[in-house]
Amino acid sequence: MILWYLKDRKYSVKDAVSKLSKAIRWRHEFGVSELSEESIKSVAETRKAYVHDFLDVNGRPVLIVDASKHIPGEFEQYEDEKLCVFMIEKALSKLPSGKQEILAVIDLRGFRTQNADIKFLTFVFDALYYYYPRRLSQVLFVDAPFIYRPVWELIKPLVKSYASLVRFCSAKTVKEEYFAADTVPPNFK
């Protein structure tokens, strides 16, 4: 864990210790260690986010988000936040030896303006930036509808250097470039 923070802070021990201390405090206050399948069961049943059963072709665990299934207000924001953190933790727990990063696939097929949730996205980006630095290798925005481009332009400044990890691509690209034929996620077959 310390190495992630050192890399993220360009090996400044002082900055890394400060950021790590905040992350440890946040993990305790948020209750990360108490999260379980049971504690997120109702929101997880929506299948708006899940960890794929197989690694991608680069040996990374894959966190898949179906953005069209996120309906702001359907659950308390804290429930969505718990799902987010639980899924990140679950993906990280599947890291093979020698790997440190996960792949996030954001499926935007069917995404509509009513699915947009800037408050929740801010939480996600803050969590990744402050508490899971250098744990995301790439984010695929799959089949982004026209409406998503302006939303991305609003979000982009919030994600800082993580914006370079984003790739807009098609479902076909995900299927052909990121998975072996027998490991393609069901909604990309």
N, C-alpha and C. Protein backbone atom coordinates (compact mmCIF):
# COMPACT_ATOMS: atom_id res chain seq x y z
N MET A 1 0.83 -1.20 0.00
CA MET A 1 0.00 0.00 0.00
C MET A 1 0.87 1.26 0.00
N ILE A 2 1.94 1.22 0.76
CA ILE A 2 2.81 2.40 0.86
C ILE A 2 3.40 2.75 -0.50
N LEU A 3 3.76 1.73 -1.27
CA LEU A 3 4.35 1.98 -2.59
C LEU A 3 3.40 2.73 -3.52
N TRP A 4 2.10 2.42 -3.46
CA TRP A 4 1.13 3.14 -4.31
C TRP A 4 1.20 4.63 -4.02
N TYR A 5 1.25 4.96 -2.73
CA TYR A 5 1.24 6.37 -2.34
C TYR A 5 2.57 7.04 -2.66
N LEU A 6 3.66 6.33 -2.52
CA LEU A 6 4.96 6.90 -2.89
C LEU A 6 5.01 7.20 -4.38
N LYS A 7 4.55 6.25 -5.20
CA LYS A 7 4.53 6.49 -6.64
C LYS A 7 3.61 7.65 -6.99
N ASP A 8 2.45 7.68 -6.36
CA ASP A 8 1.48 8.72 -6.64
C ASP A 8 2.02 10.11 -6.28
N ARG A 9 2.80 10.19 -5.24
CA ARG A 9 3.35 11.48 -4.79
C ARG A 9 4.78 11.67 -5.28
N LYS A 10 5.13 10.96 -6.35
CA LYS A 10 6.46 11.09 -6.99
C LYS A 10 7.60 10.91 -5.98
N TYR A 11 7.42 9.92 -5.11
CA TYR A 11 8.39 9.49 -4.12
C TYR A 11 8.73 10.55 -3.07
N SER A 12 7.85 11.49 -2.87
CA SER A 12 7.99 12.43 -1.76
C SER A 12 7.43 11.73 -0.51
N VAL A 13 8.31 11.36 0.40
CA VAL A 13 7.89 10.62 1.59
C VAL A 13 6.89 11.45 2.41
N LYS A 14 7.17 12.71 2.57
CA LYS A 14 6.28 13.58 3.36
C LYS A 14 4.88 13.61 2.75
N ASP A 15 4.79 13.84 1.45
CA ASP A 15 3.49 13.89 0.79
C ASP A 15 2.78 12.53 0.81
N ALA A 16 3.56 11.46 0.62
CA ALA A 16 2.98 10.12 0.61
C ALA A 16 2.43 9.77 2.00
N VAL A 17 3.17 10.09 3.04
CA VAL A 17 2.71 9.80 4.41
C VAL A 17 1.45 10.59 4.72
N SER A 18 1.40 11.83 4.30
CA SER A 18 0.21 12.66 4.52
C SER A 18 -1.01 12.06 3.82
N LYS A 19 -0.84 11.70 2.57
CA LYS A 19 -1.95 11.14 1.80
C LYS A 19 -2.36 9.77 2.35
N LEU A 20 -1.40 8.95 2.72
CA LEU A 20 -1.68 7.64 3.29
C LEU A 20 -2.40 7.76 4.63
N SER A 21 -1.99 8.71 5.44
CA SER A 21 -2.65 8.93 6.74
C SER A 21 -4.12 9.29 6.55
N LYS A 22 -4.38 10.17 5.59
CA LYS A 22 -5.77 10.54 5.28
C LYS A 22 -6.56 9.35 4.79
N ALA A 23 -5.92 8.51 3.97
CA ALA A 23 -6.60 7.32 3.44
C ALA A 23 -6.93 6.33 4.54
N ILE A 24 -6.02 6.12 5.46
CA ILE A 24 -6.27 5.20 6.57
C ILE A 24 -7.42 5.72 7.42
N ARG A 25 -7.42 7.01 7.69
CA ARG A 25 -8.51 7.62 8.48
C ARG A 25 -9.85 7.46 7.73
N TRP A 26 -9.84 7.73 6.42
CA TRP A 26 -11.06 7.58 5.62
C TRP A 26 -11.55 6.14 5.63
N ARG A 27 -10.65 5.18 5.46
CA ARG A 27 -11.04 3.76 5.45
C ARG A 27 -11.73 3.39 6.75
N HIS A 28 -11.21 3.90 7.86
CA HIS A 28 -11.82 3.62 9.16
C HIS A 28 -13.19 4.29 9.27
N GLU A 29 -13.27 5.58 8.93
CA GLU A 29 -14.53 6.32 9.04
C GLU A 29 -15.59 5.79 8.08
N PHE A 30 -15.20 5.41 6.89
CA PHE A 30 -16.14 4.89 5.90
C PHE A 30 -16.59 3.48 6.24
N GLY A 31 -15.76 2.76 6.97
CA GLY A 31 -16.08 1.39 7.33
C GLY A 31 -15.75 0.38 6.25
N VAL A 32 -14.64 0.61 5.54
CA VAL A 32 -14.26 -0.26 4.43
C VAL A 32 -14.14 -1.72 4.89
N SER A 33 -13.55 -1.94 6.05
CA SER A 33 -13.34 -3.32 6.51
C SER A 33 -14.64 -4.02 6.89
N GLU A 34 -15.71 -3.25 7.09
CA GLU A 34 -17.01 -3.86 7.43
C GLU A 34 -17.86 -4.16 6.19
N LEU A 35 -17.44 -3.69 5.03
CA LEU A 35 -18.23 -3.94 3.82
C LEU A 35 -18.22 -5.42 3.48
N SER A 36 -19.38 -5.91 3.05
CA SER A 36 -19.51 -7.33 2.68
C SER A 36 -20.57 -7.46 1.60
N GLU A 37 -20.64 -8.65 1.01
CA GLU A 37 -21.68 -8.92 0.02
C GLU A 37 -23.06 -8.60 0.61
N GLU A 38 -23.25 -8.97 1.85
CA GLU A 38 -24.54 -8.76 2.50
C GLU A 38 -24.83 -7.26 2.70
N SER A 39 -23.81 -6.48 3.05
CA SER A 39 -24.03 -5.06 3.33
C SER A 39 -24.37 -4.23 2.09
N ILE A 40 -24.08 -4.78 0.92
CA ILE A 40 -24.37 -4.05 -0.33
C ILE A 40 -25.37 -4.80 -1.20
N LYS A 41 -25.98 -5.81 -0.63
CA LYS A 41 -26.82 -6.74 -1.39
C LYS A 41 -27.90 -6.06 -2.23
N SER A 42 -28.70 -5.17 -1.64
CA SER A 42 -29.83 -4.60 -2.39
C SER A 42 -29.36 -3.76 -3.58
N VAL A 43 -28.34 -2.96 -3.40
CA VAL A 43 -27.85 -2.13 -4.51
C VAL A 43 -27.06 -2.97 -5.51
N ALA A 44 -26.38 -4.01 -5.04
CA ALA A 44 -25.62 -4.88 -5.94
C ALA A 44 -26.54 -5.68 -6.86
N GLU A 45 -27.76 -5.97 -6.39
CA GLU A 45 -28.70 -6.74 -7.20
C GLU A 45 -29.13 -6.01 -8.47
N THR A 46 -28.89 -4.71 -8.54
CA THR A 46 -29.19 -3.96 -9.77
C THR A 46 -28.23 -4.32 -10.89
N ARG A 47 -27.08 -4.90 -10.55
CA ARG A 47 -26.02 -5.25 -11.50
C ARG A 47 -25.50 -4.01 -12.24
N LYS A 48 -25.60 -2.85 -11.57
CA LYS A 48 -25.05 -1.65 -12.21
C LYS A 48 -23.54 -1.62 -12.09
N ALA A 49 -22.99 -2.44 -11.22
CA ALA A 49 -21.54 -2.57 -11.11
C ALA A 49 -21.23 -3.97 -10.60
N TYR A 50 -20.20 -4.56 -11.20
CA TYR A 50 -19.77 -5.88 -10.74
C TYR A 50 -18.34 -6.13 -11.19
N VAL A 51 -17.71 -7.07 -10.53
CA VAL A 51 -16.36 -7.48 -10.92
C VAL A 51 -16.51 -8.71 -11.79
N HIS A 52 -15.95 -8.64 -12.99
CA HIS A 52 -16.03 -9.74 -13.94
C HIS A 52 -15.29 -10.97 -13.40
N ASP A 53 -15.76 -12.13 -13.74
CA ASP A 53 -15.18 -13.38 -13.24
C ASP A 53 -13.79 -13.68 -13.80
N PHE A 54 -13.45 -13.06 -14.92
CA PHE A 54 -12.17 -13.34 -15.58
C PHE A 54 -11.32 -12.07 -15.68
N LEU A 55 -10.01 -12.26 -15.77
CA LEU A 55 -9.09 -11.15 -16.00
C LEU A 55 -9.14 -10.77 -17.48
N ASP A 56 -8.69 -9.56 -17.80
CA ASP A 56 -8.59 -9.19 -19.20
C ASP A 56 -7.32 -9.82 -19.81
N VAL A 57 -7.06 -9.56 -21.08
CA VAL A 57 -5.90 -10.18 -21.75
C VAL A 57 -4.57 -9.72 -21.17
N ASN A 58 -4.59 -8.62 -20.43
CA ASN A 58 -3.36 -8.12 -19.80
C ASN A 58 -3.24 -8.56 -18.35
N GLY A 59 -4.11 -9.47 -17.92
CA GLY A 59 -4.03 -10.01 -16.57
C GLY A 59 -4.56 -9.10 -15.49
N ARG A 60 -5.44 -8.18 -15.85
CA ARG A 60 -6.00 -7.24 -14.87
C ARG A 60 -7.42 -7.65 -14.48
N PRO A 61 -7.77 -7.52 -13.20
CA PRO A 61 -9.16 -7.68 -12.81
C PRO A 61 -9.99 -6.58 -13.48
N VAL A 62 -11.25 -6.89 -13.75
CA VAL A 62 -12.09 -5.97 -14.51
C VAL A 62 -13.33 -5.59 -13.71
N LEU A 63 -13.48 -4.30 -13.48
CA LEU A 63 -14.66 -3.74 -12.83
C LEU A 63 -15.56 -3.19 -13.94
N ILE A 64 -16.78 -3.72 -14.04
CA ILE A 64 -17.70 -3.30 -15.09
C ILE A 64 -18.84 -2.51 -14.47
N VAL A 65 -19.12 -1.36 -15.07
CA VAL A 65 -20.22 -0.50 -14.63
C VAL A 65 -21.19 -0.32 -15.79
N ASP A 66 -22.45 -0.61 -15.55
CA ASP A 66 -23.50 -0.39 -16.54
C ASP A 66 -24.19 0.92 -16.14
N ALA A 67 -23.74 2.01 -16.75
CA ALA A 67 -24.20 3.34 -16.37
C ALA A 67 -25.70 3.55 -16.56
N SER A 68 -26.29 2.81 -17.48
CA SER A 68 -27.73 2.97 -17.72
C SER A 68 -28.57 2.44 -16.56
N LYS A 69 -27.96 1.65 -15.69
CA LYS A 69 -28.69 1.10 -14.54
C LYS A 69 -28.57 1.97 -13.30
N HIS A 70 -27.76 3.04 -13.39
CA HIS A 70 -27.63 3.95 -12.25
C HIS A 70 -28.72 5.00 -12.33
N ILE A 71 -29.59 5.01 -11.35
CA ILE A 71 -30.67 5.98 -11.30
C ILE A 71 -30.51 6.77 -10.00
N PRO A 72 -30.05 8.02 -10.11
CA PRO A 72 -29.84 8.82 -8.90
C PRO A 72 -31.12 8.88 -8.06
N GLY A 73 -30.95 8.65 -6.77
CA GLY A 73 -32.09 8.71 -5.86
C GLY A 73 -32.79 7.37 -5.66
N GLU A 74 -32.49 6.39 -6.49
CA GLU A 74 -33.10 5.07 -6.31
C GLU A 74 -32.66 4.47 -4.98
N PHE A 75 -31.39 4.71 -4.62
CA PHE A 75 -30.82 4.30 -3.34
C PHE A 75 -30.22 5.54 -2.69
N GLU A 76 -30.05 5.49 -1.40
CA GLU A 76 -29.33 6.57 -0.72
C GLU A 76 -27.92 6.65 -1.32
N GLN A 77 -27.40 7.86 -1.42
CA GLN A 77 -26.08 8.02 -2.01
C GLN A 77 -25.04 7.16 -1.29
N TYR A 78 -25.14 7.06 0.02
CA TYR A 78 -24.17 6.27 0.77
C TYR A 78 -24.19 4.80 0.33
N GLU A 79 -25.36 4.29 -0.04
CA GLU A 79 -25.46 2.90 -0.51
C GLU A 79 -24.70 2.73 -1.83
N ASP A 80 -24.86 3.70 -2.74
CA ASP A 80 -24.10 3.66 -3.99
C ASP A 80 -22.60 3.77 -3.73
N GLU A 81 -22.22 4.61 -2.77
CA GLU A 81 -20.81 4.77 -2.43
C GLU A 81 -20.25 3.47 -1.86
N LYS A 82 -21.01 2.80 -1.01
CA LYS A 82 -20.57 1.52 -0.45
C LYS A 82 -20.37 0.49 -1.56
N LEU A 83 -21.30 0.46 -2.52
CA LEU A 83 -21.16 -0.47 -3.65
C LEU A 83 -19.87 -0.16 -4.41
N CYS A 84 -19.63 1.10 -4.67
CA CYS A 84 -18.43 1.52 -5.40
C CYS A 84 -17.17 1.04 -4.70
N VAL A 85 -17.05 1.33 -3.43
CA VAL A 85 -15.86 0.96 -2.66
C VAL A 85 -15.73 -0.56 -2.56
N PHE A 86 -16.83 -1.23 -2.31
CA PHE A 86 -16.79 -2.69 -2.23
C PHE A 86 -16.29 -3.29 -3.54
N MET A 87 -16.77 -2.79 -4.67
CA MET A 87 -16.36 -3.33 -5.96
C MET A 87 -14.89 -3.03 -6.26
N ILE A 88 -14.41 -1.86 -5.88
CA ILE A 88 -12.99 -1.56 -6.05
C ILE A 88 -12.16 -2.52 -5.21
N GLU A 89 -12.57 -2.70 -3.95
CA GLU A 89 -11.86 -3.61 -3.06
C GLU A 89 -11.88 -5.04 -3.61
N LYS A 90 -13.02 -5.46 -4.12
CA LYS A 90 -13.15 -6.82 -4.66
C LYS A 90 -12.24 -7.00 -5.87
N ALA A 91 -12.23 -6.01 -6.76
CA ALA A 91 -11.35 -6.08 -7.93
C ALA A 91 -9.89 -6.14 -7.50
N LEU A 92 -9.51 -5.32 -6.54
CA LEU A 92 -8.12 -5.32 -6.07
C LEU A 92 -7.75 -6.65 -5.42
N SER A 93 -8.71 -7.29 -4.77
CA SER A 93 -8.44 -8.58 -4.13
C SER A 93 -8.17 -9.68 -5.15
N LYS A 94 -8.54 -9.44 -6.41
CA LYS A 94 -8.33 -10.43 -7.47
C LYS A 94 -7.04 -10.19 -8.25
N LEU A 95 -6.24 -9.22 -7.83
CA LEU A 95 -4.99 -8.94 -8.53
C LEU A 95 -4.04 -10.13 -8.47
N PRO A 96 -3.57 -10.57 -9.62
CA PRO A 96 -2.57 -11.64 -9.62
C PRO A 96 -1.24 -11.10 -9.09
N SER A 97 -0.38 -11.99 -8.67
CA SER A 97 0.94 -11.61 -8.20
C SER A 97 1.66 -10.79 -9.27
N GLY A 98 2.24 -9.68 -8.86
CA GLY A 98 2.98 -8.84 -9.79
C GLY A 98 2.15 -7.76 -10.47
N LYS A 99 0.83 -7.83 -10.33
CA LYS A 99 -0.05 -6.81 -10.92
C LYS A 99 -0.52 -5.87 -9.83
N GLN A 100 -0.73 -4.60 -10.18
CA GLN A 100 -1.14 -3.61 -9.19
C GLN A 100 -2.35 -2.79 -9.62
N GLU A 101 -2.81 -2.98 -10.86
CA GLU A 101 -3.86 -2.11 -11.37
C GLU A 101 -5.03 -2.91 -11.95
N ILE A 102 -6.18 -2.26 -11.94
CA ILE A 102 -7.39 -2.87 -12.48
C ILE A 102 -7.85 -2.10 -13.72
N LEU A 103 -8.72 -2.74 -14.48
CA LEU A 103 -9.33 -2.13 -15.65
C LEU A 103 -10.78 -1.81 -15.29
N ALA A 104 -11.23 -0.61 -15.60
CA ALA A 104 -12.64 -0.24 -15.41
C ALA A 104 -13.29 -0.09 -16.77
N VAL A 105 -14.41 -0.79 -16.95
CA VAL A 105 -15.17 -0.71 -18.19
C VAL A 105 -16.51 -0.06 -17.86
N ILE A 106 -16.72 1.14 -18.38
CA ILE A 106 -17.95 1.88 -18.13
C ILE A 106 -18.81 1.74 -19.38
N ASP A 107 -19.83 0.92 -19.29
CA ASP A 107 -20.72 0.64 -20.41
C ASP A 107 -21.77 1.75 -20.48
N LEU A 108 -21.67 2.57 -21.52
CA LEU A 108 -22.57 3.72 -21.65
C LEU A 108 -23.70 3.48 -22.65
N ARG A 109 -23.84 2.25 -23.10
CA ARG A 109 -24.97 1.95 -23.98
C ARG A 109 -26.25 2.13 -23.16
N GLY A 110 -27.16 2.88 -23.69
CA GLY A 110 -28.42 3.14 -22.99
C GLY A 110 -28.36 4.27 -21.98
N PHE A 111 -27.18 4.90 -21.83
CA PHE A 111 -27.04 6.03 -20.89
C PHE A 111 -27.91 7.20 -21.34
N ARG A 112 -28.64 7.78 -20.40
CA ARG A 112 -29.50 8.93 -20.66
C ARG A 112 -29.19 10.02 -19.64
N THR A 113 -29.69 11.20 -19.87
CA THR A 113 -29.44 12.29 -18.94
C THR A 113 -29.91 11.95 -17.52
N GLN A 114 -30.98 11.16 -17.38
CA GLN A 114 -31.48 10.81 -16.05
C GLN A 114 -30.52 9.89 -15.30
N ASN A 115 -29.52 9.33 -15.98
CA ASN A 115 -28.52 8.48 -15.32
C ASN A 115 -27.34 9.30 -14.79
N ALA A 116 -27.21 10.54 -15.26
CA ALA A 116 -26.09 11.38 -14.85
C ALA A 116 -26.21 11.73 -13.37
N ASP A 117 -25.08 11.67 -12.68
CA ASP A 117 -25.06 11.91 -11.23
C ASP A 117 -23.70 12.50 -10.86
N ILE A 118 -23.58 13.80 -11.00
CA ILE A 118 -22.30 14.48 -10.77
C ILE A 118 -21.83 14.30 -9.34
N LYS A 119 -22.74 14.33 -8.38
CA LYS A 119 -22.35 14.17 -6.97
C LYS A 119 -21.70 12.80 -6.75
N PHE A 120 -22.31 11.76 -7.30
CA PHE A 120 -21.74 10.42 -7.15
C PHE A 120 -20.42 10.30 -7.90
N LEU A 121 -20.35 10.85 -9.11
CA LEU A 121 -19.10 10.81 -9.87
C LEU A 121 -17.97 11.51 -9.13
N THR A 122 -18.30 12.60 -8.47
CA THR A 122 -17.29 13.30 -7.67
C THR A 122 -16.76 12.39 -6.57
N PHE A 123 -17.66 11.65 -5.91
CA PHE A 123 -17.23 10.69 -4.90
C PHE A 123 -16.29 9.65 -5.51
N VAL A 124 -16.67 9.09 -6.66
CA VAL A 124 -15.87 8.05 -7.31
C VAL A 124 -14.48 8.58 -7.63
N PHE A 125 -14.41 9.76 -8.24
CA PHE A 125 -13.11 10.31 -8.62
C PHE A 125 -12.28 10.64 -7.39
N ASP A 126 -12.91 11.20 -6.36
CA ASP A 126 -12.18 11.48 -5.12
C ASP A 126 -11.64 10.20 -4.50
N ALA A 127 -12.48 9.16 -4.46
CA ALA A 127 -12.04 7.88 -3.88
C ALA A 127 -10.84 7.33 -4.64
N LEU A 128 -10.92 7.34 -5.97
CA LEU A 128 -9.80 6.81 -6.76
C LEU A 128 -8.54 7.67 -6.60
N TYR A 129 -8.71 8.96 -6.58
CA TYR A 129 -7.56 9.85 -6.50
C TYR A 129 -6.92 9.83 -5.11
N TYR A 130 -7.72 9.96 -4.07
CA TYR A 130 -7.18 10.09 -2.72
C TYR A 130 -6.92 8.76 -2.02
N TYR A 131 -7.75 7.75 -2.28
CA TYR A 131 -7.68 6.53 -1.47
C TYR A 131 -7.23 5.29 -2.23
N TYR A 132 -7.24 5.36 -3.56
CA TYR A 132 -6.78 4.23 -4.39
C TYR A 132 -5.85 4.74 -5.50
N PRO A 133 -4.80 5.48 -5.12
CA PRO A 133 -3.93 6.04 -6.16
C PRO A 133 -3.18 4.94 -6.92
N ARG A 134 -3.03 5.16 -8.20
CA ARG A 134 -2.27 4.27 -9.07
C ARG A 134 -2.82 2.85 -9.11
N ARG A 135 -4.12 2.70 -8.87
CA ARG A 135 -4.71 1.37 -8.88
C ARG A 135 -5.56 1.13 -10.13
N LEU A 136 -5.75 2.17 -10.90
CA LEU A 136 -6.56 2.10 -12.11
C LEU A 136 -5.63 2.24 -13.30
N SER A 137 -5.60 1.21 -14.15
CA SER A 137 -4.69 1.28 -15.29
C SER A 137 -5.33 1.94 -16.50
N GLN A 138 -6.64 1.72 -16.66
CA GLN A 138 -7.34 2.28 -17.80
C GLN A 138 -8.83 2.28 -17.51
N VAL A 139 -9.52 3.26 -18.10
CA VAL A 139 -10.98 3.34 -18.01
C VAL A 139 -11.51 3.37 -19.44
N LEU A 140 -12.36 2.41 -19.76
CA LEU A 140 -12.96 2.37 -21.10
C LEU A 140 -14.38 2.91 -21.02
N PHE A 141 -14.66 3.95 -21.78
CA PHE A 141 -16.02 4.46 -21.93
C PHE A 141 -16.57 3.82 -23.20
N VAL A 142 -17.50 2.92 -23.04
CA VAL A 142 -17.98 2.09 -24.14
C VAL A 142 -19.24 2.65 -24.77
N ASP A 143 -19.17 2.86 -26.08
CA ASP A 143 -20.31 3.34 -26.87
C ASP A 143 -21.00 4.55 -26.23
N ALA A 144 -20.19 5.54 -25.95
CA ALA A 144 -20.71 6.75 -25.32
C ALA A 144 -21.68 7.47 -26.24
N PRO A 145 -22.89 7.74 -25.77
CA PRO A 145 -23.85 8.47 -26.60
C PRO A 145 -23.40 9.93 -26.74
N PHE A 146 -23.96 10.59 -27.71
CA PHE A 146 -23.61 11.99 -27.98
C PHE A 146 -23.72 12.84 -26.72
N ILE A 147 -24.74 12.61 -25.92
CA ILE A 147 -24.97 13.42 -24.72
C ILE A 147 -23.83 13.28 -23.71
N TYR A 148 -23.09 12.18 -23.78
CA TYR A 148 -22.04 11.95 -22.79
C TYR A 148 -20.82 12.82 -23.03
N ARG A 149 -20.56 13.19 -24.26
CA ARG A 149 -19.36 14.00 -24.55
C ARG A 149 -19.35 15.32 -23.77
N PRO A 150 -20.45 16.09 -23.77
CA PRO A 150 -20.44 17.32 -22.96
C PRO A 150 -20.31 17.02 -21.46
N VAL A 151 -20.90 15.92 -21.00
CA VAL A 151 -20.78 15.53 -19.59
C VAL A 151 -19.30 15.24 -19.28
N TRP A 152 -18.62 14.53 -20.18
CA TRP A 152 -17.21 14.23 -19.99
C TRP A 152 -16.39 15.51 -19.90
N GLU A 153 -16.70 16.49 -20.72
CA GLU A 153 -15.96 17.75 -20.69
C GLU A 153 -16.12 18.46 -19.34
N LEU A 154 -17.28 18.28 -18.69
CA LEU A 154 -17.47 18.84 -17.35
C LEU A 154 -16.70 18.07 -16.30
N ILE A 155 -16.64 16.76 -16.47
CA ILE A 155 -16.01 15.88 -15.50
C ILE A 155 -14.48 15.89 -15.61
N LYS A 156 -13.99 16.01 -16.80
CA LYS A 156 -12.56 15.88 -17.10
C LYS A 156 -11.66 16.69 -16.15
N PRO A 157 -11.96 17.95 -15.86
CA PRO A 157 -11.09 18.70 -14.94
C PRO A 157 -11.06 18.12 -13.53
N LEU A 158 -12.12 17.43 -13.13
CA LEU A 158 -12.17 16.84 -11.79
C LEU A 158 -11.21 15.67 -11.63
N VAL A 159 -10.93 14.98 -12.73
CA VAL A 159 -10.13 13.77 -12.65
C VAL A 159 -8.64 14.01 -12.82
N LYS A 160 -8.27 15.23 -13.10
CA LYS A 160 -6.87 15.64 -13.20
C LYS A 160 -6.09 14.73 -14.15
N SER A 161 -4.98 14.18 -13.68
CA SER A 161 -4.11 13.37 -14.54
C SER A 161 -4.76 12.04 -14.93
N TYR A 162 -5.80 11.63 -14.22
CA TYR A 162 -6.47 10.37 -14.55
C TYR A 162 -7.20 10.45 -15.89
N ALA A 163 -7.42 11.65 -16.40
CA ALA A 163 -8.09 11.80 -17.70
C ALA A 163 -7.32 11.07 -18.80
N SER A 164 -6.00 10.97 -18.64
CA SER A 164 -5.19 10.29 -19.66
C SER A 164 -5.42 8.77 -19.68
N LEU A 165 -6.06 8.24 -18.67
CA LEU A 165 -6.35 6.80 -18.61
C LEU A 165 -7.61 6.43 -19.39
N VAL A 166 -8.37 7.44 -19.79
CA VAL A 166 -9.66 7.21 -20.43
C VAL A 166 -9.50 6.91 -21.92
N ARG A 167 -10.26 5.92 -22.36
CA ARG A 167 -10.34 5.60 -23.79
C ARG A 167 -11.81 5.43 -24.15
N PHE A 168 -12.25 6.16 -25.14
CA PHE A 168 -13.59 5.98 -25.69
C PHE A 168 -13.49 4.89 -26.74
N CYS A 169 -14.35 3.90 -26.65
CA CYS A 169 -14.28 2.79 -27.61
C CYS A 169 -15.65 2.14 -27.77
N SER A 170 -15.72 1.17 -28.66
CA SER A 170 -16.97 0.46 -28.92
C SER A 170 -17.01 -0.84 -28.13
N ALA A 171 -18.20 -1.41 -28.03
CA ALA A 171 -18.35 -2.72 -27.39
C ALA A 171 -17.54 -3.77 -28.16
N LYS A 172 -17.49 -3.62 -29.47
CA LYS A 172 -16.71 -4.54 -30.30
C LYS A 172 -15.23 -4.47 -29.94
N THR A 173 -14.72 -3.28 -29.71
CA THR A 173 -13.32 -3.11 -29.32
C THR A 173 -13.05 -3.80 -27.99
N VAL A 174 -13.96 -3.62 -27.04
CA VAL A 174 -13.80 -4.28 -25.73
C VAL A 174 -13.70 -5.78 -25.93
N LYS A 175 -14.62 -6.31 -26.68
CA LYS A 175 -14.68 -7.76 -26.93
C LYS A 175 -13.41 -8.27 -27.60
N GLU A 176 -12.95 -7.57 -28.63
CA GLU A 176 -11.85 -8.05 -29.45
C GLU A 176 -10.46 -7.74 -28.89
N GLU A 177 -10.31 -6.62 -28.19
CA GLU A 177 -8.98 -6.22 -27.75
C GLU A 177 -8.68 -6.49 -26.28
N TYR A 178 -9.70 -6.71 -25.48
CA TYR A 178 -9.48 -6.81 -24.04
C TYR A 178 -9.78 -8.19 -23.44
N PHE A 179 -10.40 -9.08 -24.21
CA PHE A 179 -10.77 -10.39 -23.67
C PHE A 179 -10.50 -11.49 -24.68
N ALA A 180 -10.19 -12.67 -24.16
CA ALA A 180 -10.13 -13.87 -25.00
C ALA A 180 -11.57 -14.27 -25.29
N ALA A 181 -11.78 -15.03 -26.35
CA ALA A 181 -13.13 -15.40 -26.77
C ALA A 181 -13.95 -16.04 -25.65
N ASP A 182 -13.31 -16.82 -24.79
CA ASP A 182 -14.04 -17.51 -23.73
C ASP A 182 -14.14 -16.73 -22.42
N THR A 183 -13.61 -15.50 -22.40
CA THR A 183 -13.69 -14.69 -21.18
C THR A 183 -14.44 -13.37 -21.36
N VAL A 184 -15.06 -13.19 -22.50
CA VAL A 184 -15.80 -11.93 -22.77
C VAL A 184 -16.97 -11.81 -21.80
N PRO A 185 -17.14 -10.64 -21.17
CA PRO A 185 -18.29 -10.46 -20.29
C PRO A 185 -19.59 -10.69 -21.07
N PRO A 186 -20.59 -11.28 -20.43
CA PRO A 186 -21.85 -11.63 -21.13
C PRO A 186 -22.49 -10.47 -21.90
N ASN A 187 -22.47 -9.27 -21.35
CA ASN A 187 -23.12 -8.15 -22.04
C ASN A 187 -22.28 -7.57 -23.18
N PHE A 188 -21.12 -8.20 -23.47
CA PHE A 188 -20.29 -7.76 -24.60
C PHE A 188 -20.16 -8.85 -25.67
N LYS A 189 -20.86 -9.95 -25.49
CA LYS A 189 -20.78 -11.07 -26.46
C LYS A 189 -21.55 -10.76 -27.72
